[in-house]
């Protein structure tokens, strides 16, 4: 959960998020969105190659979460990608 700290109008919509409102989004849904990952349900280990990782939107792929309470396992992420 995140708490909005200032009024924010979502671009291209009439939706406004107001201070104090709580927000939550689904990492799983974003990681299955073809806008960010072509053929998201297909097993494609090359998707996370060193060359392609730089092209992935960091907000679309958050296996360790984000922010001040990010998973302590994130420090091992680079090791996982080099195996």
PDB file of N, CA and C in Angstrom:
ATOM      1  N   UNK A   1       0.835  -1.187   0.000  1.00  0.00           N
ATOM      2  CA  UNK A   1       0.000   0.000   0.000  1.00  0.00           C
ATOM      3  C   UNK A   1       0.877   1.248   0.000  1.00  0.00           C
ATOM      4  N   UNK A   2       0.436   2.231  -0.700  1.00  0.00           N
ATOM      5  CA  UNK A   2       1.078   3.543  -0.699  1.00  0.00           C
ATOM      6  C   UNK A   2      -0.006   4.568  -0.378  1.00  0.00           C
ATOM      7  N   UNK A   3       0.387   5.646   0.254  1.00  0.00           N
ATOM      8  CA  UNK A   3      -0.556   6.706   0.593  1.00  0.00           C
ATOM      9  C   UNK A   3      -0.197   7.937  -0.221  1.00  0.00           C
ATOM     10  N   UNK A   4      -1.184   8.471  -0.930  1.00  0.00           N
ATOM     11  CA  UNK A   4      -0.982   9.661  -1.758  1.00  0.00           C
ATOM     12  C   UNK A   4      -0.684  10.858  -0.854  1.00  0.00           C
ATOM     13  N   UNK A   5       0.293  11.656  -1.232  1.00  0.00           N
ATOM     14  CA  UNK A   5       0.672  12.819  -0.428  1.00  0.00           C
ATOM     15  C   UNK A   5       0.251  14.147  -1.054  1.00  0.00           C
ATOM     16  N   UNK A   6      -0.106  14.117  -2.349  1.00  0.00           N
ATOM     17  CA  UNK A   6      -0.578  15.346  -2.990  1.00  0.00           C
ATOM     18  C   UNK A   6      -1.561  14.982  -4.092  1.00  0.00           C
ATOM     19  N   UNK A   7      -2.433  15.906  -4.424  1.00  0.00           N
ATOM     20  CA  UNK A   7      -3.434  15.664  -5.463  1.00  0.00           C
ATOM     21  C   UNK A   7      -2.736  15.337  -6.778  1.00  0.00           C
ATOM     22  N   UNK A   8      -3.215  14.269  -7.434  1.00  0.00           N
ATOM     23  CA  UNK A   8      -2.600  13.843  -8.693  1.00  0.00           C
ATOM     24  C   UNK A   8      -3.697  13.449  -9.685  1.00  0.00           C
ATOM     25  N   UNK A   9      -3.683  14.084 -10.829  1.00  0.00           N
ATOM     26  CA  UNK A   9      -4.609  13.761 -11.908  1.00  0.00           C
ATOM     27  C   UNK A   9      -3.926  12.743 -12.811  1.00  0.00           C
ATOM     28  N   UNK A  10      -4.517  11.569 -12.986  1.00  0.00           N
ATOM     29  CA  UNK A  10      -3.917  10.545 -13.843  1.00  0.00           C
ATOM     30  C   UNK A  10      -4.067  10.990 -15.295  1.00  0.00           C
ATOM     31  N   UNK A  11      -2.941  11.142 -16.002  1.00  0.00           N
ATOM     32  CA  UNK A  11      -2.977  11.629 -17.388  1.00  0.00           C
ATOM     33  C   UNK A  11      -3.892  10.790 -18.276  1.00  0.00           C
ATOM     34  N   UNK A  12      -4.663  11.468 -19.095  1.00  0.00           N
ATOM     35  CA  UNK A  12      -5.534  10.796 -20.051  1.00  0.00           C
ATOM     36  C   UNK A  12      -6.821  10.267 -19.444  1.00  0.00           C
ATOM     37  N   UNK A  13      -7.082  10.574 -18.174  1.00  0.00           N
ATOM     38  CA  UNK A  13      -8.307  10.119 -17.518  1.00  0.00           C
ATOM     39  C   UNK A  13      -8.923  11.272 -16.731  1.00  0.00           C
ATOM     40  N   UNK A  14     -10.109  11.021 -16.199  1.00  0.00           N
ATOM     41  CA  UNK A  14     -10.740  12.007 -15.322  1.00  0.00           C
ATOM     42  C   UNK A  14     -10.533  11.616 -13.857  1.00  0.00           C
ATOM     43  N   UNK A  15      -9.666  10.637 -13.615  1.00  0.00           N
ATOM     44  CA  UNK A  15      -9.428  10.133 -12.266  1.00  0.00           C
ATOM     45  C   UNK A  15      -8.415  11.003 -11.523  1.00  0.00           C
ATOM     46  N   UNK A  16      -8.803  11.424 -10.330  1.00  0.00           N
ATOM     47  CA  UNK A  16      -7.924  12.219  -9.475  1.00  0.00           C
ATOM     48  C   UNK A  16      -7.699  11.465  -8.176  1.00  0.00           C
ATOM     49  N   UNK A  17      -6.439  11.356  -7.774  1.00  0.00           N
ATOM     50  CA  UNK A  17      -6.088  10.722  -6.506  1.00  0.00           C
ATOM     51  C   UNK A  17      -5.813  11.850  -5.521  1.00  0.00           C
ATOM     52  N   UNK A  18      -6.448  11.765  -4.365  1.00  0.00           N
ATOM     53  CA  UNK A  18      -6.344  12.846  -3.390  1.00  0.00           C
ATOM     54  C   UNK A  18      -5.432  12.461  -2.229  1.00  0.00           C
ATOM     55  N   UNK A  19      -4.839  13.455  -1.575  1.00  0.00           N
ATOM     56  CA  UNK A  19      -3.976  13.179  -0.421  1.00  0.00           C
ATOM     57  C   UNK A  19      -4.702  12.332   0.629  1.00  0.00           C
ATOM     58  N   UNK A  20      -3.981  11.350   1.141  1.00  0.00           N
ATOM     59  CA  UNK A  20      -4.547  10.463   2.160  1.00  0.00           C
ATOM     60  C   UNK A  20      -5.156   9.195   1.590  1.00  0.00           C
ATOM     61  N   UNK A  21      -5.460   9.176   0.285  1.00  0.00           N
ATOM     62  CA  UNK A  21      -6.022   7.962  -0.310  1.00  0.00           C
ATOM     63  C   UNK A  21      -4.932   6.908  -0.438  1.00  0.00           C
ATOM     64  N   UNK A  22      -5.318   5.658  -0.181  1.00  0.00           N
ATOM     65  CA  UNK A  22      -4.364   4.555  -0.263  1.00  0.00           C
ATOM     66  C   UNK A  22      -4.411   3.928  -1.646  1.00  0.00           C
ATOM     67  N   UNK A  23      -3.253   3.579  -2.157  1.00  0.00           N
ATOM     68  CA  UNK A  23      -3.136   2.987  -3.490  1.00  0.00           C
ATOM     69  C   UNK A  23      -2.465   1.627  -3.394  1.00  0.00           C
ATOM     70  N   UNK A  24      -2.907   0.725  -4.235  1.00  0.00           N
ATOM     71  CA  UNK A  24      -2.267  -0.575  -4.329  1.00  0.00           C
ATOM     72  C   UNK A  24      -2.365  -1.017  -5.790  1.00  0.00           C
ATOM     73  N   UNK A  25      -1.300  -1.621  -6.282  1.00  0.00           N
ATOM     74  CA  UNK A  25      -1.356  -2.151  -7.633  1.00  0.00           C
ATOM     75  C   UNK A  25      -0.791  -3.560  -7.640  1.00  0.00           C
ATOM     76  N   UNK A  26      -1.128  -4.287  -8.669  1.00  0.00           N
ATOM     77  CA  UNK A  26      -0.743  -5.686  -8.772  1.00  0.00           C
ATOM     78  C   UNK A  26       0.525  -5.834  -9.609  1.00  0.00           C
ATOM     79  N   UNK A  27       1.616  -6.248  -8.949  1.00  0.00           N
ATOM     80  CA  UNK A  27       2.853  -6.523  -9.684  1.00  0.00           C
ATOM     81  C   UNK A  27       2.606  -7.599 -10.732  1.00  0.00           C
ATOM     82  N   UNK A  28       1.840  -8.598 -10.342  1.00  0.00           N
ATOM     83  CA  UNK A  28       1.566  -9.721 -11.237  1.00  0.00           C
ATOM     84  C   UNK A  28       0.873  -9.256 -12.516  1.00  0.00           C
ATOM     85  N   UNK A  29      -0.112  -8.392 -12.382  1.00  0.00           N
ATOM     86  CA  UNK A  29      -0.845  -7.908 -13.558  1.00  0.00           C
ATOM     87  C   UNK A  29       0.060  -7.099 -14.480  1.00  0.00           C
ATOM     88  N   UNK A  30       0.910  -6.266 -13.902  1.00  0.00           N
ATOM     89  CA  UNK A  30       1.817  -5.451 -14.718  1.00  0.00           C
ATOM     90  C   UNK A  30       2.807  -6.343 -15.460  1.00  0.00           C
ATOM     91  N   UNK A  31       3.310  -7.370 -14.792  1.00  0.00           N
ATOM     92  CA  UNK A  31       4.300  -8.256 -15.413  1.00  0.00           C
ATOM     93  C   UNK A  31       3.684  -9.154 -16.484  1.00  0.00           C
ATOM     94  N   UNK A  32       2.358  -9.177 -16.566  1.00  0.00           N
ATOM     95  CA  UNK A  32       1.682  -9.941 -17.617  1.00  0.00           C
ATOM     96  C   UNK A  32       1.121  -9.035 -18.710  1.00  0.00           C
ATOM     97  N   UNK A  33       1.437  -7.750 -18.635  1.00  0.00           N
ATOM     98  CA  UNK A  33       0.938  -6.782 -19.607  1.00  0.00           C
ATOM     99  C   UNK A  33       1.828  -6.786 -20.851  1.00  0.00           C
ATOM    100  N   UNK A  34       1.245  -7.057 -22.009  1.00  0.00           N
ATOM    101  CA  UNK A  34       2.019  -7.131 -23.255  1.00  0.00           C
ATOM    102  C   UNK A  34       2.630  -5.781 -23.641  1.00  0.00           C
ATOM    103  N   UNK A  35       2.149  -4.705 -23.058  1.00  0.00           N
ATOM    104  CA  UNK A  35       2.740  -3.386 -23.297  1.00  0.00           C
ATOM    105  C   UNK A  35       4.190  -3.365 -22.813  1.00  0.00           C
ATOM    106  N   UNK A  36       4.463  -4.090 -21.736  1.00  0.00           N
ATOM    107  CA  UNK A  36       5.805  -4.121 -21.162  1.00  0.00           C
ATOM    108  C   UNK A  36       6.588  -5.381 -21.496  1.00  0.00           C
ATOM    109  N   UNK A  37       5.885  -6.494 -21.655  1.00  0.00           N
ATOM    110  CA  UNK A  37       6.540  -7.786 -21.909  1.00  0.00           C
ATOM    111  C   UNK A  37       5.830  -8.527 -23.036  1.00  0.00           C
ATOM    112  N   UNK A  38       6.394  -8.513 -24.244  1.00  0.00           N
ATOM    113  CA  UNK A  38       5.780  -9.270 -25.340  1.00  0.00           C
ATOM    114  C   UNK A  38       5.663 -10.748 -24.965  1.00  0.00           C
ATOM    115  N   UNK A  39       4.535 -11.340 -25.275  1.00  0.00           N
ATOM    116  CA  UNK A  39       4.264 -12.748 -24.960  1.00  0.00           C
ATOM    117  C   UNK A  39       4.577 -13.046 -23.483  1.00  0.00           C
ATOM    118  N   UNK A  40       3.910 -12.354 -22.553  1.00  0.00           N
ATOM    119  CA  UNK A  40       4.267 -12.458 -21.134  1.00  0.00           C
ATOM    120  C   UNK A  40       4.099 -13.846 -20.521  1.00  0.00           C
ATOM    121  N   UNK A  41       3.255 -14.676 -21.072  1.00  0.00           N
ATOM    122  CA  UNK A  41       3.045 -15.996 -20.490  1.00  0.00           C
ATOM    123  C   UNK A  41       3.973 -17.051 -21.078  1.00  0.00           C
ATOM    124  N   UNK A  42       4.784 -16.655 -22.037  1.00  0.00           N
ATOM    125  CA  UNK A  42       5.728 -17.572 -22.668  1.00  0.00           C
ATOM    126  C   UNK A  42       7.050 -17.592 -21.885  1.00  0.00           C
ATOM    127  N   UNK A  43       7.586 -18.779 -21.673  1.00  0.00           N
ATOM    128  CA  UNK A  43       8.880 -18.891 -20.993  1.00  0.00           C
ATOM    129  C   UNK A  43       9.959 -18.370 -21.925  1.00  0.00           C
ATOM    130  N   UNK A  44      10.625 -17.305 -21.520  1.00  0.00           N
ATOM    131  CA  UNK A  44      11.635 -16.673 -22.357  1.00  0.00           C
ATOM    132  C   UNK A  44      12.786 -16.183 -21.486  1.00  0.00           C
ATOM    133  N   UNK A  45      13.742 -17.053 -21.167  1.00  0.00           N
ATOM    134  CA  UNK A  45      14.843 -16.649 -20.298  1.00  0.00           C
ATOM    135  C   UNK A  45      15.670 -15.494 -20.870  1.00  0.00           C
ATOM    136  N   UNK A  46      15.695 -15.334 -22.182  1.00  0.00           N
ATOM    137  CA  UNK A  46      16.455 -14.245 -22.804  1.00  0.00           C
ATOM    138  C   UNK A  46      15.844 -12.874 -22.508  1.00  0.00           C
ATOM    139  N   UNK A  47      14.594 -12.866 -22.073  1.00  0.00           N
ATOM    140  CA  UNK A  47      13.925 -11.612 -21.727  1.00  0.00           C
ATOM    141  C   UNK A  47      14.713 -10.844 -20.666  1.00  0.00           C
ATOM    142  N   UNK A  48      15.430 -11.583 -19.823  1.00  0.00           N
ATOM    143  CA  UNK A  48      16.162 -10.979 -18.725  1.00  0.00           C
ATOM    144  C   UNK A  48      17.682 -11.043 -18.926  1.00  0.00           C
ATOM    145  N   UNK A  49      18.096 -11.128 -20.182  1.00  0.00           N
ATOM    146  CA  UNK A  49      19.528 -11.094 -20.485  1.00  0.00           C
ATOM    147  C   UNK A  49      20.071  -9.709 -20.139  1.00  0.00           C
ATOM    148  N   UNK A  50      21.360  -9.609 -19.948  1.00  0.00           N
ATOM    149  CA  UNK A  50      21.981  -8.326 -19.592  1.00  0.00           C
ATOM    150  C   UNK A  50      21.637  -7.247 -20.622  1.00  0.00           C
ATOM    151  N   UNK A  51      21.630  -7.622 -21.890  1.00  0.00           N
ATOM    152  CA  UNK A  51      21.332  -6.663 -22.959  1.00  0.00           C
ATOM    153  C   UNK A  51      19.894  -6.149 -22.880  1.00  0.00           C
ATOM    154  N   UNK A  52      18.954  -7.043 -22.636  1.00  0.00           N
ATOM    155  CA  UNK A  52      17.544  -6.658 -22.630  1.00  0.00           C
ATOM    156  C   UNK A  52      17.082  -6.044 -21.309  1.00  0.00           C
ATOM    157  N   UNK A  53      17.763  -6.338 -20.202  1.00  0.00           N
ATOM    158  CA  UNK A  53      17.349  -5.801 -18.904  1.00  0.00           C
ATOM    159  C   UNK A  53      17.362  -4.274 -18.897  1.00  0.00           C
ATOM    160  N   UNK A  54      18.287  -3.668 -19.613  1.00  0.00           N
ATOM    161  CA  UNK A  54      18.366  -2.206 -19.624  1.00  0.00           C
ATOM    162  C   UNK A  54      17.164  -1.574 -20.331  1.00  0.00           C
ATOM    163  N   UNK A  55      16.443  -2.353 -21.124  1.00  0.00           N
ATOM    164  CA  UNK A  55      15.297  -1.835 -21.867  1.00  0.00           C
ATOM    165  C   UNK A  55      13.975  -2.042 -21.132  1.00  0.00           C
ATOM    166  N   UNK A  56      13.994  -2.787 -20.031  1.00  0.00           N
ATOM    167  CA  UNK A  56      12.773  -3.064 -19.282  1.00  0.00           C
ATOM    168  C   UNK A  56      12.465  -1.892 -18.356  1.00  0.00           C
ATOM    169  N   UNK A  57      11.242  -1.432 -18.399  1.00  0.00           N
ATOM    170  CA  UNK A  57      10.803  -0.366 -17.517  1.00  0.00           C
ATOM    171  C   UNK A  57      10.955  -0.851 -16.072  1.00  0.00           C
ATOM    172  N   UNK A  58      11.749  -0.169 -15.236  1.00  0.00           N
ATOM    173  CA  UNK A  58      11.995  -0.636 -13.874  1.00  0.00           C
ATOM    174  C   UNK A  58      10.738  -0.677 -13.010  1.00  0.00           C
ATOM    175  N   UNK A  59       9.701   0.080 -13.395  1.00  0.00           N
ATOM    176  CA  UNK A  59       8.456   0.055 -12.628  1.00  0.00           C
ATOM    177  C   UNK A  59       7.536  -1.075 -13.088  1.00  0.00           C
ATOM    178  N   UNK A  60       7.839  -1.686 -14.213  1.00  0.00           N
ATOM    179  CA  UNK A  60       7.034  -2.807 -14.703  1.00  0.00           C
ATOM    180  C   UNK A  60       7.550  -4.138 -14.169  1.00  0.00           C
ATOM    181  N   UNK A  61       8.808  -4.191 -13.791  1.00  0.00           N
ATOM    182  CA  UNK A  61       9.397  -5.439 -13.273  1.00  0.00           C
ATOM    183  C   UNK A  61       9.965  -5.181 -11.888  1.00  0.00           C
ATOM    184  N   UNK A  62       9.220  -5.596 -10.875  1.00  0.00           N
ATOM    185  CA  UNK A  62       9.634  -5.349  -9.495  1.00  0.00           C
ATOM    186  C   UNK A  62       9.514  -6.638  -8.668  1.00  0.00           C
ATOM    187  N   UNK A  63      10.312  -7.627  -8.981  1.00  0.00           N
ATOM    188  CA  UNK A  63      10.192  -8.888  -8.247  1.00  0.00           C
ATOM    189  C   UNK A  63      10.537  -8.763  -6.765  1.00  0.00           C
ATOM    190  N   UNK A  64      11.225  -7.708  -6.398  1.00  0.00           N
ATOM    191  CA  UNK A  64      11.609  -7.510  -4.996  1.00  0.00           C
ATOM    192  C   UNK A  64      10.875  -6.343  -4.363  1.00  0.00           C
ATOM    193  N   UNK A  65       9.844  -5.821  -5.024  1.00  0.00           N
ATOM    194  CA  UNK A  65       9.132  -4.673  -4.502  1.00  0.00           C
ATOM    195  C   UNK A  65       9.906  -3.400  -4.788  1.00  0.00           C
ATOM    196  N   UNK A  66       9.562  -2.346  -4.049  1.00  0.00           N
ATOM    197  CA  UNK A  66      10.256  -1.075  -4.219  1.00  0.00           C
ATOM    198  C   UNK A  66      10.059  -0.214  -2.983  1.00  0.00           C
ATOM    199  N   UNK A  67      10.789   0.867  -2.944  1.00  0.00           N
ATOM    200  CA  UNK A  67      10.640   1.801  -1.841  1.00  0.00           C
ATOM    201  C   UNK A  67      11.432   1.421  -0.610  1.00  0.00           C
ATOM    202  N   UNK A  68      11.119   2.065   0.514  1.00  0.00           N
ATOM    203  CA  UNK A  68      11.915   1.874   1.720  1.00  0.00           C
ATOM    204  C   UNK A  68      11.817   0.458   2.327  1.00  0.00           C
ATOM    205  N   UNK A  69      10.809  -0.285   1.962  1.00  0.00           N
ATOM    206  CA  UNK A  69      10.651  -1.631   2.518  1.00  0.00           C
ATOM    207  C   UNK A  69      10.931  -2.717   1.471  1.00  0.00           C
ATOM    208  N   UNK A  70      11.815  -2.405   0.557  1.00  0.00           N
ATOM    209  CA  UNK A  70      12.169  -3.344  -0.505  1.00  0.00           C
ATOM    210  C   UNK A  70      12.733  -4.633   0.107  1.00  0.00           C
ATOM    211  N   UNK A  71      12.539  -5.730  -0.546  1.00  0.00           N
ATOM    212  CA  UNK A  71      13.007  -7.031  -0.062  1.00  0.00           C
ATOM    213  C   UNK A  71      14.523  -7.026   0.160  1.00  0.00           C
ATOM    214  N   UNK A  72      14.946  -7.569   1.287  1.00  0.00           N
ATOM    215  CA  UNK A  72      16.379  -7.610   1.559  1.00  0.00           C
ATOM    216  C   UNK A  72      17.111  -8.544   0.595  1.00  0.00           C
ATOM    217  N   UNK A  73      16.386  -9.396  -0.116  1.00  0.00           N
ATOM    218  CA  UNK A  73      16.996 -10.293  -1.094  1.00  0.00           C
ATOM    219  C   UNK A  73      17.396  -9.600  -2.385  1.00  0.00           C
ATOM    220  N   UNK A  74      16.998  -8.343  -2.558  1.00  0.00           N
ATOM    221  CA  UNK A  74      17.313  -7.633  -3.802  1.00  0.00           C
ATOM    222  C   UNK A  74      18.811  -7.560  -4.058  1.00  0.00           C
ATOM    223  N   UNK A  75      19.613  -7.473  -3.015  1.00  0.00           N
ATOM    224  CA  UNK A  75      21.056  -7.358  -3.231  1.00  0.00           C
ATOM    225  C   UNK A  75      21.615  -8.551  -3.992  1.00  0.00           C
ATOM    226  N   UNK A  76      20.893  -9.669  -4.005  1.00  0.00           N
ATOM    227  CA  UNK A  76      21.328 -10.867  -4.723  1.00  0.00           C
ATOM    228  C   UNK A  76      20.778 -10.928  -6.141  1.00  0.00           C
ATOM    229  N   UNK A  77      20.010  -9.912  -6.542  1.00  0.00           N
ATOM    230  CA  UNK A  77      19.389  -9.918  -7.866  1.00  0.00           C
ATOM    231  C   UNK A  77      20.425 -10.036  -8.975  1.00  0.00           C
ATOM    232  N   UNK A  78      21.515  -9.321  -8.882  1.00  0.00           N
ATOM    233  CA  UNK A  78      22.537  -9.366  -9.931  1.00  0.00           C
ATOM    234  C   UNK A  78      23.146 -10.753 -10.044  1.00  0.00           C
ATOM    235  N   UNK A  79      23.299 -11.428  -8.936  1.00  0.00           N
ATOM    236  CA  UNK A  79      23.829 -12.792  -8.960  1.00  0.00           C
ATOM    237  C   UNK A  79      22.880 -13.703  -9.728  1.00  0.00           C
ATOM    238  N   UNK A  80      21.581 -13.541  -9.515  1.00  0.00           N
ATOM    239  CA  UNK A  80      20.607 -14.379 -10.208  1.00  0.00           C
ATOM    240  C   UNK A  80      20.682 -14.189 -11.712  1.00  0.00           C
ATOM    241  N   UNK A  81      20.925 -12.972 -12.161  1.00  0.00           N
ATOM    242  CA  UNK A  81      20.947 -12.698 -13.601  1.00  0.00           C
ATOM    243  C   UNK A  81      22.251 -13.144 -14.261  1.00  0.00           C
ATOM    244  N   UNK A  82      23.264 -13.422 -13.492  1.00  0.00           N
ATOM    245  CA  UNK A  82      24.524 -13.813 -14.104  1.00  0.00           C
ATOM    246  C   UNK A  82      24.753 -15.330 -14.064  1.00  0.00           C
ATOM    247  N   UNK A  83      23.816 -16.051 -13.474  1.00  0.00           N
ATOM    248  CA  UNK A  83      23.982 -17.519 -13.428  1.00  0.00           C
ATOM    249  C   UNK A  83      23.838 -18.143 -14.788  1.00  0.00           C
TER     250      UNK A  83
END
